[in-house]
Protein backbone atom coordinates (compact mmCIF):
# COMPACT_ATOMS: atom_id res chain seq x y z
CA MET A 1 17.63 10.31 -8.83
CA SER A 2 19.58 8.14 -7.17
CA VAL A 3 19.65 6.57 -3.78
CA LYS A 4 22.09 5.33 -1.67
CA VAL A 5 21.86 2.29 -0.39
CA LEU A 6 23.84 1.79 2.78
CA SER A 7 24.97 -1.65 2.32
CA PRO A 8 24.49 -5.24 1.02
CA SER A 9 22.16 -6.06 3.94
CA LEU A 10 21.48 -5.18 7.38
CA ALA A 11 23.57 -4.63 9.58
CA HIS A 12 22.34 -7.11 12.84
CA SER A 13 21.92 -3.60 14.82
CA GLU A 14 19.39 -2.35 12.55
CA ARG A 15 17.52 -5.55 11.81
CA PRO A 16 14.05 -5.99 13.46
CA SER A 17 14.20 -7.56 16.90
CA TRP A 18 11.54 -10.75 14.98
CA LEU A 19 14.71 -11.23 11.63
CA THR A 20 17.84 -11.69 14.95
CA SER A 21 15.80 -13.72 16.90
CA LEU A 22 14.72 -16.34 13.75
CA PRO A 23 16.97 -20.13 13.49
CA ARG A 24 19.38 -19.95 10.72
CA THR A 25 18.05 -22.13 8.73
CA SER A 26 18.15 -22.06 3.91
CA SER A 27 14.45 -22.08 4.86
CA SER A 28 12.89 -19.94 2.17
CA ARG A 29 11.61 -18.04 4.89
CA SER A 30 15.16 -16.89 6.28
CA VAL A 31 16.50 -16.45 2.93
CA ASN A 32 13.84 -13.62 1.62
CA THR A 33 13.57 -11.51 4.99
CA ALA A 34 17.95 -12.06 5.65
CA SER A 35 18.08 -10.53 2.25
CA ALA A 36 16.48 -6.89 2.38
CA THR A 37 18.58 -3.49 2.15
CA LYS A 38 18.62 -0.45 4.20
CA ILE A 39 17.71 2.36 2.25
CA ASP A 40 19.61 5.58 2.94
CA ILE A 41 15.65 8.45 3.61
CA SER A 42 18.19 11.19 3.81
CA SER A 43 18.96 11.26 -0.56
CA SER A 44 15.65 12.29 -1.07
CA PRO A 45 14.39 15.88 0.80
CA SER A 46 11.15 15.69 -0.23
CA CYS A 47 10.75 12.28 2.20
CA ILE A 48 8.93 12.16 5.24
CA THR A 49 8.58 9.74 7.02
CA THR A 50 10.08 8.79 10.12
CA PHE A 51 9.87 5.47 9.78
CA PRO A 52 12.94 3.49 8.14
CA VAL A 53 12.99 1.92 4.52
CA CYS A 54 13.92 -1.57 3.17
CA ARG A 55 14.13 -2.90 -0.15
CA HIS A 56 13.56 -6.52 -1.05
CA ALA A 57 15.96 -8.56 -2.73
CA ALA A 58 14.08 -9.44 -5.24
CA ARG A 59 12.93 -6.68 -6.74
CA LYS A 60 13.79 -6.61 -10.60
CA THR A 61 11.77 -9.79 -10.55
CA TRP A 62 8.37 -7.74 -10.29
CA LEU A 63 8.63 -4.55 -12.97
CA GLU A 64 8.08 -6.58 -16.13
CA ILE A 65 5.02 -9.25 -15.14
CA VAL A 66 3.20 -8.89 -18.09
CA PRO A 67 5.10 -10.07 -20.94
CA SER A 68 3.03 -7.36 -24.07
CA ALA A 69 5.14 -4.03 -24.23
CA LYS A 70 1.38 -2.82 -24.67
CA ASP A 71 0.44 -4.07 -21.01
CA ARG A 72 3.77 -2.61 -19.09
CA GLU A 73 2.67 0.74 -19.92
CA LEU A 74 -0.23 0.12 -18.75
CA ARG A 75 1.24 -1.61 -15.74
CA SER A 76 3.91 1.13 -14.71
CA HIS A 77 1.82 2.36 -11.84
CA SER A 78 4.42 1.41 -9.42
CA ALA A 79 7.62 1.72 -10.52
CA GLY A 80 9.90 4.25 -9.13
CA PRO A 81 13.74 5.52 -9.38
CA TYR A 82 14.37 2.16 -6.76
CA GLY A 83 11.90 -0.10 -8.45
CA ASN A 84 8.50 -1.40 -7.60
CA PHE A 85 6.19 -0.18 -5.09
CA PHE A 86 5.87 -3.18 -2.90
CA ALA A 87 8.95 -3.90 -2.90
CA ILE A 88 10.04 -1.48 -0.35
CA THR A 89 6.92 -1.76 0.91
CA TRP A 90 6.78 -5.30 1.90
CA PRO A 91 10.72 -6.06 1.89
CA TYR A 92 10.25 -8.66 3.64
CA GLY A 93 7.40 -10.43 2.08
CA LYS A 94 8.10 -14.11 0.80
CA MET A 95 9.54 -13.49 -3.25
CA ASP A 96 6.27 -16.06 -4.66
CA ARG A 97 3.57 -13.96 -2.30
CA VAL A 98 4.86 -10.86 -2.88
CA LYS A 99 5.34 -11.34 -6.85
CA LEU A 100 1.07 -12.39 -7.36
CA ALA A 101 0.41 -9.19 -4.08
CA THR A 102 1.80 -6.71 -7.10
CA GLU A 103 0.44 -8.07 -9.27
CA ILE A 104 -2.28 -7.25 -8.33
CA ILE A 105 -2.38 -4.14 -6.76
CA GLU A 106 -0.85 -2.98 -9.45
CA THR A 107 -3.97 -4.26 -11.93
CA LEU A 108 -6.41 -2.48 -9.15
CA TRP A 109 -4.46 0.56 -9.99
CA VAL A 110 -5.06 0.09 -13.45
CA TYR A 111 -8.86 -0.36 -13.20
CA ASP A 112 -9.12 3.65 -10.79
CA ASP A 113 -7.57 4.92 -12.95
CA LEU A 114 -9.96 4.07 -15.36
CA ALA A 115 -13.04 4.21 -13.29
CA GLU A 116 -11.92 7.70 -12.03
CA ASP A 117 -12.56 9.03 -15.81
CA ILE A 118 -16.22 7.48 -15.87
CA PRO A 119 -19.34 8.78 -14.01
CA HIS A 120 -19.70 8.30 -10.27
CA SER A 121 -22.74 6.38 -10.65
CA LYS A 122 -21.31 3.34 -13.49
CA ALA A 123 -17.58 3.84 -11.60
CA ALA A 124 -19.84 2.39 -8.01
CA GLU A 125 -21.79 -0.30 -10.62
CA VAL A 126 -18.18 -1.59 -12.15
CA HIS A 127 -16.30 -1.84 -8.94
CA ALA A 128 -19.53 -4.37 -7.77
CA LYS A 129 -18.93 -6.84 -10.70
CA ILE A 130 -15.55 -6.56 -10.42
CA ARG A 131 -16.04 -8.32 -6.74
CA ASP A 132 -18.62 -10.25 -7.88
CA SER A 133 -16.15 -11.20 -9.96
CA LEU A 134 -14.22 -12.55 -6.93
CA GLU A 135 -15.95 -15.69 -6.40
CA ALA A 136 -14.88 -18.95 -7.67
CA ASP A 137 -18.08 -19.55 -10.19
CA LYS A 138 -18.45 -15.98 -11.67
CA VAL A 139 -18.46 -16.14 -15.22
CA SER A 140 -17.11 -12.78 -17.26
CA GLU A 141 -18.84 -11.09 -19.05
CA GLN A 142 -17.53 -10.62 -23.53
CA PRO A 143 -14.77 -9.52 -23.58
CA SER A 144 -14.51 -5.45 -23.33
CA ARG A 145 -11.79 -2.84 -21.59
CA LYS A 146 -13.28 -3.36 -17.78
CA THR A 147 -14.28 -6.86 -18.39
CA VAL A 148 -10.91 -8.09 -18.54
CA ILE A 149 -9.82 -6.56 -16.00
CA MET A 150 -12.80 -8.47 -13.98
CA GLY A 151 -11.59 -11.84 -15.54
CA LEU A 152 -8.08 -11.42 -14.28
CA PHE A 153 -9.57 -10.40 -10.64
CA HIS A 154 -11.49 -14.00 -10.86
CA GLU A 155 -8.12 -15.40 -11.84
CA PHE A 156 -6.72 -13.51 -9.48
CA SER A 157 -9.23 -15.47 -6.43
CA GLU A 158 -8.26 -18.49 -7.91
CA ARG A 159 -4.39 -18.22 -7.84
CA LEU A 160 -4.42 -17.12 -4.37
CA VAL A 161 -6.29 -19.96 -3.10
CA ARG A 162 -3.98 -22.68 -4.73
CA MET A 163 -1.05 -20.63 -2.70
CA ASP A 164 -2.81 -20.48 0.66
CA LYS A 165 -6.18 -21.30 0.58
CA GLU A 166 -6.28 -20.13 4.69
CA GLY A 167 -5.20 -17.42 4.47
CA ALA A 168 -6.11 -16.28 0.96
CA SER A 169 -9.90 -15.46 2.29
CA ARG A 170 -9.09 -12.74 4.25
CA VAL A 171 -7.08 -11.30 1.24
CA ILE A 172 -10.46 -11.53 -0.77
CA ASP A 173 -12.71 -10.50 1.69
CA SER A 174 -10.61 -7.03 2.16
CA LEU A 175 -10.26 -7.16 -2.12
CA LYS A 176 -14.31 -7.31 -1.72
CA SER A 177 -14.73 -4.71 0.70
CA TYR A 178 -12.63 -2.48 -0.83
CA LEU A 179 -14.19 -2.64 -4.67
CA GLN A 180 -17.96 -2.01 -2.24
CA ASP A 181 -16.87 0.42 -0.77
CA TYR A 182 -14.75 2.68 -2.39
CA ASP A 183 -16.82 4.22 -4.51
CA SER A 184 -19.24 4.89 -1.83
CA LYS A 185 -19.60 8.66 -1.19
CA LYS A 186 -20.79 10.69 -2.71
CA GLY A 187 -20.59 14.69 -2.22
CA ALA A 188 -17.35 17.12 -0.48
CA PHE A 189 -16.24 16.47 2.81
CA LEU A 190 -16.21 19.50 5.14
CA ASP A 191 -13.69 18.01 8.06
CA ILE A 192 -10.37 16.80 7.32
CA ASN A 193 -11.23 13.81 10.32
CA GLU A 194 -14.43 12.88 8.76
CA TYR A 195 -12.18 13.24 5.78
CA THR A 196 -9.19 11.16 7.09
CA GLU A 197 -11.14 8.09 7.98
CA PHE A 198 -12.68 7.34 4.80
CA ARG A 199 -9.35 8.09 3.19
CA VAL A 200 -7.71 5.28 5.48
CA VAL A 201 -10.45 2.62 3.09
CA ASN A 202 -10.39 4.45 -0.17
CA VAL A 203 -7.28 4.73 -0.07
CA GLY A 204 -6.96 0.90 0.08
CA PHE A 205 -5.33 0.75 3.12
CA TRP A 206 -6.96 -2.82 4.32
CA ILE A 207 -6.27 -4.69 1.13
CA MET A 208 -2.13 -3.31 1.63
CA GLU A 209 -2.43 -4.86 5.29
CA SER A 210 -4.00 -8.23 4.54
CA PHE A 211 -1.32 -9.16 2.00
CA MET A 212 0.89 -7.94 4.38
CA GLN A 213 0.03 -10.49 6.10
CA TRP A 214 0.07 -12.76 3.90
CA ALA A 215 3.15 -11.71 2.26
CA LEU A 216 5.31 -12.29 5.46
CA ASP A 217 3.39 -15.45 6.36
CA ILE A 218 2.28 -13.89 9.19
CA CYS A 219 -1.51 -14.92 10.26
CA LEU A 220 -2.55 -13.15 13.38
CA THR A 221 -5.78 -14.02 15.48
CA PRO A 222 -9.20 -11.85 15.94
CA ALA A 223 -7.80 -11.02 18.80
CA GLU A 224 -4.53 -10.41 18.22
CA GLN A 225 -6.22 -8.19 14.96
CA GLU A 226 -8.64 -6.00 17.69
CA VAL A 227 -4.85 -5.41 20.23
CA CYS A 228 -3.68 -3.93 17.39
CA HIS A 229 -6.68 -2.34 15.58
CA LYS A 230 -5.77 1.35 17.21
CA PHE A 231 -2.83 0.86 15.84
CA CYS A 232 -3.91 -0.65 12.70
CA LEU A 233 -6.43 2.72 11.67
CA SER A 234 -3.27 5.41 13.11
CA ALA A 235 -0.74 3.45 10.44
CA GLY A 236 -4.05 3.60 7.82
CA ARG A 237 -4.44 7.81 8.40
CA ALA A 238 -0.50 8.21 7.99
CA MET A 239 -0.19 6.28 4.76
CA GLY A 240 -4.13 8.11 3.22
CA LEU A 241 -2.74 11.53 3.81
CA THR A 242 1.07 10.34 2.52
CA ASN A 243 -0.76 9.33 -0.56
CA ASP A 244 -2.60 13.08 -1.03
CA LEU A 245 0.28 14.67 0.53
CA TYR A 246 2.77 13.57 -2.69
CA SER A 247 -0.14 12.78 -5.38
CA TRP A 248 -1.96 15.98 -5.16
CA ASN A 249 1.31 17.45 -7.64
CA VAL A 250 -0.75 15.99 -10.40
CA GLU A 251 -4.43 16.04 -8.91
CA ARG A 252 -4.82 19.45 -8.43
CA ASN A 253 -5.54 19.66 -12.49
CA ASP A 254 -8.50 17.19 -12.04
CA PRO A 255 -11.77 18.47 -12.01
CA ALA A 256 -13.30 19.53 -8.40
CA ASN A 257 -15.74 16.32 -8.77
CA ARG A 258 -13.13 14.15 -8.67
CA GLN A 259 -10.67 15.27 -6.43
CA TRP A 260 -10.20 12.68 -2.95
CA ASN A 261 -7.51 14.40 -1.82
CA ALA A 262 -7.21 15.88 1.59
CA VAL A 263 -5.65 19.60 0.40
CA PRO A 264 -8.38 20.91 -0.56
CA VAL A 265 -10.84 19.80 2.74
CA ILE A 266 -7.97 21.53 4.44
CA LYS A 267 -8.28 24.79 2.38
CA LYS A 268 -12.09 24.99 2.54
CA GLN A 269 -11.85 24.32 6.26
CA TYR A 270 -9.10 26.24 7.44
CA ASP A 271 -9.39 29.21 4.77
CA LEU A 272 -6.12 28.49 3.42
CA THR A 273 -3.66 28.69 0.90
CA GLU A 274 -2.49 25.83 -1.02
CA GLU A 275 0.60 26.22 -0.14
CA ASP A 276 -0.53 26.24 3.47
CA ALA A 277 -2.92 23.55 3.40
CA VAL A 278 0.39 21.02 2.06
CA VAL A 279 2.13 22.42 5.06
CA TYR A 280 -0.63 21.33 7.26
CA LEU A 281 -0.68 18.16 5.84
CA LYS A 282 2.82 17.48 6.53
CA GLY A 283 2.19 18.30 10.09
CA LEU A 284 -0.74 15.35 10.18
CA ILE A 285 1.37 13.14 8.82
CA VAL A 286 4.01 12.91 11.31
CA GLN A 287 1.31 13.38 13.42
CA HIS A 288 -0.05 10.28 12.51
CA GLU A 289 3.32 8.63 12.11
CA GLN A 290 4.22 9.27 15.98
CA LYS A 291 0.90 8.45 17.10
CA THR A 292 1.24 4.81 15.25
CA ARG A 293 4.75 4.85 16.58
CA GLN A 294 3.20 4.65 19.88
CA LEU A 295 0.69 2.84 19.17
CA GLY A 296 2.46 -0.17 18.25
CA LEU A 297 5.36 -0.32 21.63
CA GLU A 298 1.99 -0.53 23.64
CA VAL A 299 0.91 -3.53 21.36
CA ARG A 300 4.98 -4.77 22.08
CA ARG A 301 4.15 -4.15 25.32
CA GLN A 302 0.83 -6.46 25.87
CA CYS A 303 1.61 -8.75 23.50
CA ALA A 304 5.73 -9.56 25.44
CA GLY A 305 7.55 -11.84 23.96
CA SER A 306 5.47 -12.74 21.05
CA ARG A 307 7.69 -13.09 17.67
CA LYS A 308 4.65 -12.45 15.66
CA MET A 309 3.54 -9.52 16.77
CA ALA A 310 6.74 -7.72 17.08
CA LYS A 311 6.94 -9.08 12.89
CA TYR A 312 3.80 -7.33 12.53
CA VAL A 313 4.41 -4.37 14.02
CA ASP A 314 7.91 -3.81 12.34
CA ALA A 315 5.91 -4.59 9.16
CA MET A 316 3.65 -1.98 9.09
CA GLY A 317 6.26 0.40 10.47
CA MET A 318 7.88 -0.26 7.13
CA MET A 319 5.38 -0.44 4.64
CA LEU A 320 4.47 3.39 6.22
CA GLY A 321 7.98 4.49 5.35
CA GLY A 322 8.15 2.32 2.66
CA ASN A 323 5.02 4.38 0.74
CA CYS A 324 6.43 7.54 1.49
CA PHE A 325 9.90 7.19 0.24
CA TRP A 326 8.36 6.00 -3.21
CA SER A 327 5.69 8.74 -3.50
CA SER A 328 8.21 11.46 -2.79
CA ASN A 329 9.95 9.86 -5.41
CA CYS A 330 7.99 8.19 -7.83
CA PRO A 331 7.34 9.12 -11.92
CA ARG A 332 3.49 8.54 -10.97
CA TYR A 333 3.35 11.40 -8.64
CA ASN A 334 6.60 13.31 -9.95
CA ASN A 335 6.66 13.79 -14.35
CA GLU A 336 10.01 15.26 -13.38
CA ILE A 337 12.09 12.59 -11.73
CA GLU A 338 12.78 9.36 -14.70
CA ASN A 339 12.56 5.54 -13.28
CA GLU A 340 16.20 4.19 -13.24
């Protein structure tokens, strides 16, 4: 499937407000932020996002991060018709930071796929070991399929600190929290609202949010983070349910006890057919996106004049838009679509 590009770069009138106010300098930050390209989402009828979608100029830089051909097969998780997932979720990120974040999260996706094939109790145990591997003084065990990934996470934490010691701690903390909570829930969900709150964590939203800040060189204070809390939760709900909508294409064939997806929850709660449950899910996603936009406006009003907060709100919308566009097109969820 081809994607129509409207222009080589965003027109001045289409750029986020914080971008149009940036001084014209030759700094790496301004070069990165001025080079995103808008994508026409109407070219993908299955994409339902109400947010804009943009693409980082350096998207192809991250397509072959791992040199081994065998490893590249494993690292195809974020491939899509318009390149890497992260090139359209963090389109204004600093190149070196987005590249490292891509490596880390793609490795996490590989690990999660491995963990899904083992019993719940064992998965929780392995999650704990990988969480511990993020500590700088931890030493990996003897090599195995899982300990190799643990070793990679150990290396990632060191690289994060070397690149940005001050900003690395929040990113590492978000990774630890995810690894601790991902497989913590046992049993089926009977209520879509309860499931949605769980999915905010389980989908890795807080990892994506922390890397979003880090990639754009934004560092919210605790007070600013509190102002954005409801906005973030709403965005996390939209992201988690969007993932469920498109991943259901492949997850419907998974064992019932490993189906972390909203569709079977909705089917059971409201006694709906699969088709009607999918329609219901689409409505929830749009509702959460609308709520996110509303809360984003409130954040901007409350922090009027703050370029940093305007940048944060705009970046969140682009992350949600990119997540939906990629999910609606990627080979990972759409087997009939070939990567360009």
